């Protein structure tokens, strides 16, 4: 997970994204990947994949795993030590969602942030 965060931060720097957008994107990627590792129970030989794509005015972050269950946010009690990941994603992202993988096993959880690319300004 650390490598994915580092790669995203490096790519965001090359895209000249504002620090605030970069920091939020890294946090969202971390939450999505943590959920995939913790809940997907990915079978041996399968992988978790992360993608980050900048298109004009938005950054799309997606994490794909081999579990078919589509996650939903839940209300964590104040004493819970976990269970806030998707709630955080829903709060910080401009849009987010889940989708089953076409022609395959698993799902993709994605989110988007407004992130104007300097070339498109």
N, C-alpha and C. Protein backbone atom coordinates (compact mmCIF):
# COMPACT_ATOMS: atom_id res chain seq x y z
N UNK A 1 0.82 -1.18 0.00
CA UNK A 1 0.00 0.00 0.00
C UNK A 1 0.87 1.25 0.00
N UNK A 2 1.97 1.19 0.72
CA UNK A 2 2.87 2.33 0.76
C UNK A 2 3.40 2.69 -0.61
N UNK A 3 3.70 1.68 -1.40
CA UNK A 3 4.20 1.91 -2.76
C UNK A 3 3.14 2.60 -3.62
N UNK A 4 1.89 2.19 -3.50
CA UNK A 4 0.81 2.82 -4.27
C UNK A 4 0.66 4.29 -3.88
N UNK A 5 0.74 4.58 -2.60
CA UNK A 5 0.62 5.98 -2.15
C UNK A 5 1.78 6.82 -2.69
N UNK A 6 2.98 6.25 -2.65
CA UNK A 6 4.15 6.97 -3.16
C UNK A 6 4.02 7.23 -4.65
N UNK A 7 3.61 6.22 -5.41
CA UNK A 7 3.44 6.39 -6.86
C UNK A 7 2.39 7.44 -7.17
N UNK A 8 1.28 7.44 -6.44
CA UNK A 8 0.24 8.44 -6.67
C UNK A 8 0.78 9.84 -6.37
N UNK A 9 1.48 9.99 -5.26
CA UNK A 9 2.04 11.30 -4.89
C UNK A 9 3.01 11.79 -5.98
N UNK A 10 3.86 10.89 -6.48
CA UNK A 10 4.81 11.27 -7.54
C UNK A 10 4.07 11.67 -8.82
N UNK A 11 3.04 10.90 -9.18
CA UNK A 11 2.30 11.22 -10.39
C UNK A 11 1.54 12.54 -10.23
N UNK A 12 0.95 12.77 -9.07
CA UNK A 12 0.23 14.02 -8.82
C UNK A 12 1.17 15.22 -8.93
N UNK A 13 2.41 15.04 -8.47
CA UNK A 13 3.40 16.11 -8.59
C UNK A 13 3.70 16.38 -10.06
N UNK A 14 3.85 15.33 -10.85
CA UNK A 14 4.13 15.52 -12.27
C UNK A 14 2.94 16.16 -13.00
N UNK A 15 1.73 15.90 -12.50
CA UNK A 15 0.53 16.53 -13.06
C UNK A 15 0.33 17.96 -12.54
N UNK A 16 1.16 18.36 -11.56
CA UNK A 16 1.07 19.68 -10.94
C UNK A 16 -0.27 19.91 -10.25
N UNK A 17 -0.76 18.87 -9.58
CA UNK A 17 -2.00 19.01 -8.82
C UNK A 17 -1.73 19.78 -7.54
N UNK A 18 -2.71 20.54 -7.06
CA UNK A 18 -2.53 21.24 -5.79
C UNK A 18 -2.29 20.24 -4.65
N UNK A 19 -1.51 20.67 -3.66
CA UNK A 19 -1.19 19.80 -2.53
C UNK A 19 -2.44 19.26 -1.84
N UNK A 20 -3.45 20.10 -1.70
CA UNK A 20 -4.69 19.66 -1.03
C UNK A 20 -5.34 18.50 -1.79
N UNK A 21 -5.38 18.60 -3.11
CA UNK A 21 -5.96 17.53 -3.93
C UNK A 21 -5.11 16.27 -3.79
N UNK A 22 -3.79 16.44 -3.85
CA UNK A 22 -2.89 15.29 -3.73
C UNK A 22 -3.06 14.59 -2.39
N UNK A 23 -3.08 15.36 -1.31
CA UNK A 23 -3.23 14.77 0.02
C UNK A 23 -4.54 14.02 0.16
N UNK A 24 -5.62 14.60 -0.36
CA UNK A 24 -6.93 13.94 -0.30
C UNK A 24 -6.93 12.68 -1.15
N UNK A 25 -6.33 12.75 -2.33
CA UNK A 25 -6.28 11.58 -3.22
C UNK A 25 -5.50 10.43 -2.57
N UNK A 26 -4.39 10.74 -1.93
CA UNK A 26 -3.59 9.70 -1.27
C UNK A 26 -4.38 9.07 -0.14
N UNK A 27 -5.10 9.88 0.63
CA UNK A 27 -5.93 9.35 1.71
C UNK A 27 -7.04 8.45 1.16
N UNK A 28 -7.70 8.88 0.08
CA UNK A 28 -8.77 8.08 -0.51
C UNK A 28 -8.23 6.76 -1.05
N UNK A 29 -7.10 6.80 -1.73
CA UNK A 29 -6.48 5.57 -2.23
C UNK A 29 -6.17 4.63 -1.08
N UNK A 30 -5.63 5.17 -0.02
CA UNK A 30 -5.29 4.35 1.15
C UNK A 30 -6.53 3.69 1.74
N UNK A 31 -7.61 4.44 1.86
CA UNK A 31 -8.86 3.88 2.41
C UNK A 31 -9.41 2.78 1.51
N UNK A 32 -9.43 3.01 0.20
CA UNK A 32 -9.96 2.00 -0.72
C UNK A 32 -9.10 0.74 -0.70
N UNK A 33 -7.79 0.91 -0.68
CA UNK A 33 -6.91 -0.27 -0.65
C UNK A 33 -7.00 -1.00 0.68
N UNK A 34 -7.10 -0.27 1.77
CA UNK A 34 -7.25 -0.91 3.08
C UNK A 34 -8.52 -1.75 3.11
N UNK A 35 -9.62 -1.21 2.59
CA UNK A 35 -10.87 -1.97 2.54
C UNK A 35 -10.71 -3.22 1.70
N UNK A 36 -10.04 -3.11 0.57
CA UNK A 36 -9.86 -4.28 -0.29
C UNK A 36 -9.04 -5.36 0.43
N UNK A 37 -7.94 -4.97 1.05
CA UNK A 37 -7.11 -5.94 1.77
C UNK A 37 -7.85 -6.55 2.96
N UNK A 38 -8.59 -5.72 3.67
CA UNK A 38 -9.23 -6.18 4.90
C UNK A 38 -10.48 -7.02 4.63
N UNK A 39 -11.27 -6.64 3.65
CA UNK A 39 -12.58 -7.25 3.48
C UNK A 39 -12.72 -8.16 2.27
N UNK A 40 -11.88 -8.00 1.28
CA UNK A 40 -12.07 -8.75 0.04
C UNK A 40 -11.68 -10.21 0.17
N UNK A 41 -10.79 -10.52 1.10
CA UNK A 41 -10.32 -11.89 1.25
C UNK A 41 -9.95 -12.47 -0.12
N UNK A 42 -9.04 -11.79 -0.76
CA UNK A 42 -8.64 -12.14 -2.12
C UNK A 42 -7.98 -13.51 -2.12
N UNK A 43 -8.47 -14.43 -2.98
CA UNK A 43 -7.88 -15.77 -3.05
C UNK A 43 -6.44 -15.73 -3.55
N UNK A 44 -5.67 -16.73 -3.18
CA UNK A 44 -4.29 -16.84 -3.65
C UNK A 44 -4.28 -16.81 -5.18
N UNK A 45 -3.32 -16.12 -5.73
CA UNK A 45 -3.22 -16.02 -7.18
C UNK A 45 -4.00 -14.86 -7.75
N UNK A 46 -4.83 -14.23 -6.96
CA UNK A 46 -5.58 -13.04 -7.40
C UNK A 46 -4.87 -11.82 -6.84
N UNK A 47 -5.20 -10.67 -7.35
CA UNK A 47 -4.51 -9.47 -6.91
C UNK A 47 -5.49 -8.33 -6.65
N UNK A 48 -4.97 -7.32 -6.01
CA UNK A 48 -5.69 -6.06 -5.83
C UNK A 48 -4.97 -5.05 -6.71
N UNK A 49 -5.75 -4.34 -7.54
CA UNK A 49 -5.16 -3.38 -8.48
C UNK A 49 -5.68 -1.99 -8.18
N UNK A 50 -4.80 -1.01 -8.28
CA UNK A 50 -5.19 0.39 -8.12
C UNK A 50 -4.86 1.13 -9.41
N UNK A 51 -5.75 2.07 -9.77
CA UNK A 51 -5.53 2.92 -10.94
C UNK A 51 -5.90 4.34 -10.57
N UNK A 52 -5.14 5.29 -11.08
CA UNK A 52 -5.43 6.70 -10.90
C UNK A 52 -5.31 7.37 -12.27
N UNK A 53 -6.39 8.00 -12.69
CA UNK A 53 -6.43 8.60 -14.02
C UNK A 53 -6.89 10.05 -13.90
N UNK A 54 -6.15 10.97 -14.54
CA UNK A 54 -6.54 12.37 -14.57
C UNK A 54 -7.14 12.67 -15.93
N UNK A 55 -8.37 13.15 -15.92
CA UNK A 55 -9.07 13.51 -17.15
C UNK A 55 -9.64 14.91 -16.99
N UNK A 56 -9.09 15.84 -17.72
CA UNK A 56 -9.50 17.24 -17.71
C UNK A 56 -9.63 17.81 -16.31
N UNK A 57 -10.79 17.69 -15.70
CA UNK A 57 -11.00 18.36 -14.41
C UNK A 57 -11.28 17.39 -13.26
N UNK A 58 -10.94 16.12 -13.45
CA UNK A 58 -11.22 15.17 -12.37
C UNK A 58 -10.15 14.09 -12.30
N UNK A 59 -9.92 13.66 -11.08
CA UNK A 59 -9.00 12.55 -10.82
C UNK A 59 -9.85 11.37 -10.38
N UNK A 60 -9.72 10.26 -11.09
CA UNK A 60 -10.47 9.05 -10.75
C UNK A 60 -9.51 8.03 -10.15
N UNK A 61 -9.84 7.57 -8.97
CA UNK A 61 -9.06 6.57 -8.24
C UNK A 61 -9.91 5.31 -8.17
N UNK A 62 -9.36 4.19 -8.58
CA UNK A 62 -10.14 2.95 -8.51
C UNK A 62 -9.28 1.82 -7.95
N UNK A 63 -9.93 0.96 -7.20
CA UNK A 63 -9.28 -0.23 -6.63
C UNK A 63 -10.14 -1.43 -6.99
N UNK A 64 -9.52 -2.42 -7.61
CA UNK A 64 -10.21 -3.62 -8.06
C UNK A 64 -9.70 -4.82 -7.29
N UNK A 65 -10.63 -5.67 -6.84
CA UNK A 65 -10.24 -6.90 -6.15
C UNK A 65 -11.09 -8.05 -6.66
N UNK A 66 -10.84 -9.25 -6.18
CA UNK A 66 -11.49 -10.45 -6.69
C UNK A 66 -12.71 -10.88 -5.89
N UNK A 67 -13.19 -10.04 -4.99
CA UNK A 67 -14.39 -10.36 -4.22
C UNK A 67 -15.59 -9.73 -4.90
N UNK A 68 -16.68 -10.48 -5.04
CA UNK A 68 -17.86 -9.99 -5.75
C UNK A 68 -18.78 -9.10 -4.91
N UNK A 69 -18.61 -9.09 -3.60
CA UNK A 69 -19.51 -8.32 -2.73
C UNK A 69 -19.26 -6.83 -2.89
N UNK A 70 -20.33 -6.09 -3.24
CA UNK A 70 -20.21 -4.64 -3.38
C UNK A 70 -20.36 -4.00 -2.01
N UNK A 71 -19.39 -3.22 -1.57
CA UNK A 71 -19.43 -2.66 -0.22
C UNK A 71 -20.38 -1.47 -0.12
N UNK A 72 -20.86 -1.22 1.08
CA UNK A 72 -21.68 -0.05 1.37
C UNK A 72 -21.16 0.58 2.66
N UNK A 73 -21.26 1.90 2.78
CA UNK A 73 -20.82 2.53 4.03
C UNK A 73 -21.70 2.06 5.18
N UNK A 74 -21.13 2.05 6.37
CA UNK A 74 -21.91 1.68 7.54
C UNK A 74 -21.70 2.73 8.61
N UNK A 75 -22.61 2.77 9.55
CA UNK A 75 -22.49 3.68 10.67
C UNK A 75 -21.66 3.02 11.76
N UNK A 76 -20.47 3.52 11.97
CA UNK A 76 -19.61 2.99 13.02
C UNK A 76 -19.94 3.71 14.32
N UNK A 77 -19.96 2.96 15.41
CA UNK A 77 -20.20 3.59 16.71
C UNK A 77 -18.93 4.33 17.14
N UNK A 78 -19.05 5.27 18.05
CA UNK A 78 -17.88 6.03 18.50
C UNK A 78 -16.76 5.14 19.06
N UNK A 79 -17.11 3.96 19.57
CA UNK A 79 -16.11 3.07 20.15
C UNK A 79 -15.45 2.13 19.13
N UNK A 80 -16.01 2.05 17.93
CA UNK A 80 -15.44 1.16 16.91
C UNK A 80 -14.06 1.66 16.48
N UNK A 81 -13.13 0.73 16.29
CA UNK A 81 -11.79 1.08 15.85
C UNK A 81 -11.67 1.10 14.34
N UNK A 82 -12.68 0.64 13.64
CA UNK A 82 -12.67 0.65 12.18
C UNK A 82 -14.11 0.81 11.70
N UNK A 83 -14.29 0.77 10.38
CA UNK A 83 -15.63 0.84 9.83
C UNK A 83 -16.02 2.21 9.29
N UNK A 84 -15.04 3.10 9.19
CA UNK A 84 -15.35 4.45 8.71
C UNK A 84 -14.78 4.74 7.32
N UNK A 85 -14.12 3.77 6.71
CA UNK A 85 -13.43 4.00 5.44
C UNK A 85 -14.32 4.51 4.33
N UNK A 86 -15.41 3.81 4.04
CA UNK A 86 -16.28 4.25 2.95
C UNK A 86 -17.04 5.52 3.31
N UNK A 87 -17.33 5.72 4.57
CA UNK A 87 -17.96 6.97 4.99
C UNK A 87 -17.01 8.13 4.72
N UNK A 88 -15.74 7.93 5.01
CA UNK A 88 -14.73 8.94 4.72
C UNK A 88 -14.63 9.19 3.22
N UNK A 89 -14.62 8.13 2.44
CA UNK A 89 -14.57 8.26 0.98
C UNK A 89 -15.78 9.05 0.49
N UNK A 90 -16.97 8.70 0.97
CA UNK A 90 -18.19 9.38 0.55
C UNK A 90 -18.17 10.86 0.93
N UNK A 91 -17.54 11.18 2.04
CA UNK A 91 -17.47 12.56 2.51
C UNK A 91 -16.45 13.38 1.71
N UNK A 92 -15.29 12.82 1.44
CA UNK A 92 -14.21 13.58 0.81
C UNK A 92 -14.27 13.60 -0.71
N UNK A 93 -14.80 12.56 -1.32
CA UNK A 93 -14.83 12.48 -2.78
C UNK A 93 -16.03 13.25 -3.32
N UNK A 94 -15.89 13.74 -4.55
CA UNK A 94 -17.02 14.40 -5.20
C UNK A 94 -18.04 13.37 -5.67
N UNK A 95 -17.56 12.22 -6.07
CA UNK A 95 -18.43 11.09 -6.45
C UNK A 95 -17.70 9.82 -6.08
N UNK A 96 -18.45 8.76 -5.84
CA UNK A 96 -17.84 7.46 -5.61
C UNK A 96 -18.87 6.39 -5.95
N UNK A 97 -18.40 5.19 -6.16
CA UNK A 97 -19.32 4.11 -6.45
C UNK A 97 -18.62 2.77 -6.52
N UNK A 98 -19.40 1.75 -6.82
CA UNK A 98 -18.89 0.40 -6.95
C UNK A 98 -19.47 -0.20 -8.22
N UNK A 99 -18.77 -1.14 -8.80
CA UNK A 99 -19.29 -1.83 -9.97
C UNK A 99 -18.66 -3.20 -10.08
N UNK A 100 -19.45 -4.19 -10.46
CA UNK A 100 -18.88 -5.52 -10.68
C UNK A 100 -17.94 -5.46 -11.89
N UNK A 101 -16.93 -6.31 -11.88
CA UNK A 101 -16.02 -6.36 -13.02
C UNK A 101 -16.71 -7.05 -14.19
N UNK A 102 -16.64 -6.46 -15.36
CA UNK A 102 -17.23 -7.12 -16.52
C UNK A 102 -16.42 -8.35 -16.91
N UNK A 103 -17.10 -9.41 -17.21
CA UNK A 103 -16.47 -10.64 -17.69
C UNK A 103 -15.45 -11.20 -16.71
N UNK A 104 -15.63 -10.97 -15.45
CA UNK A 104 -14.63 -11.48 -14.52
C UNK A 104 -15.15 -11.55 -13.11
N UNK A 105 -14.28 -11.98 -12.26
CA UNK A 105 -14.59 -12.13 -10.86
C UNK A 105 -14.18 -10.84 -10.16
N UNK A 106 -15.02 -10.36 -9.27
CA UNK A 106 -14.63 -9.23 -8.44
C UNK A 106 -15.39 -7.97 -8.72
N UNK A 107 -14.84 -6.88 -8.20
CA UNK A 107 -15.49 -5.58 -8.28
C UNK A 107 -14.43 -4.49 -8.33
N UNK A 108 -14.90 -3.30 -8.67
CA UNK A 108 -14.09 -2.10 -8.60
C UNK A 108 -14.81 -1.09 -7.73
N UNK A 109 -14.10 -0.49 -6.80
CA UNK A 109 -14.61 0.61 -6.00
C UNK A 109 -13.83 1.84 -6.46
N UNK A 110 -14.54 2.92 -6.78
CA UNK A 110 -13.88 4.08 -7.35
C UNK A 110 -14.38 5.36 -6.68
N UNK A 111 -13.58 6.40 -6.83
CA UNK A 111 -14.00 7.72 -6.37
C UNK A 111 -13.38 8.76 -7.30
N UNK A 112 -13.97 9.95 -7.29
CA UNK A 112 -13.48 11.04 -8.13
C UNK A 112 -13.34 12.31 -7.31
N UNK A 113 -12.32 13.08 -7.66
CA UNK A 113 -12.07 14.39 -7.06
C UNK A 113 -11.98 15.42 -8.18
N UNK A 114 -12.46 16.62 -7.92
CA UNK A 114 -12.20 17.72 -8.83
C UNK A 114 -10.71 18.01 -8.77
N UNK A 115 -10.06 18.00 -9.92
CA UNK A 115 -8.61 18.19 -9.96
C UNK A 115 -8.23 18.78 -11.30
N UNK A 116 -8.42 20.08 -11.46
CA UNK A 116 -8.12 20.68 -12.76
C UNK A 116 -6.65 20.51 -13.14
N UNK A 117 -6.42 19.92 -14.27
CA UNK A 117 -5.07 19.72 -14.79
C UNK A 117 -4.60 21.04 -15.40
N UNK A 118 -3.37 21.48 -15.10
CA UNK A 118 -2.90 22.76 -15.63
C UNK A 118 -3.01 22.88 -17.15
N UNK A 119 -2.85 21.79 -17.87
CA UNK A 119 -2.93 21.84 -19.33
C UNK A 119 -4.34 22.15 -19.81
N UNK A 120 -5.36 21.90 -18.97
CA UNK A 120 -6.75 22.11 -19.37
C UNK A 120 -7.32 23.42 -18.83
N UNK A 121 -6.51 24.20 -18.11
CA UNK A 121 -7.01 25.46 -17.53
C UNK A 121 -7.03 26.56 -18.55
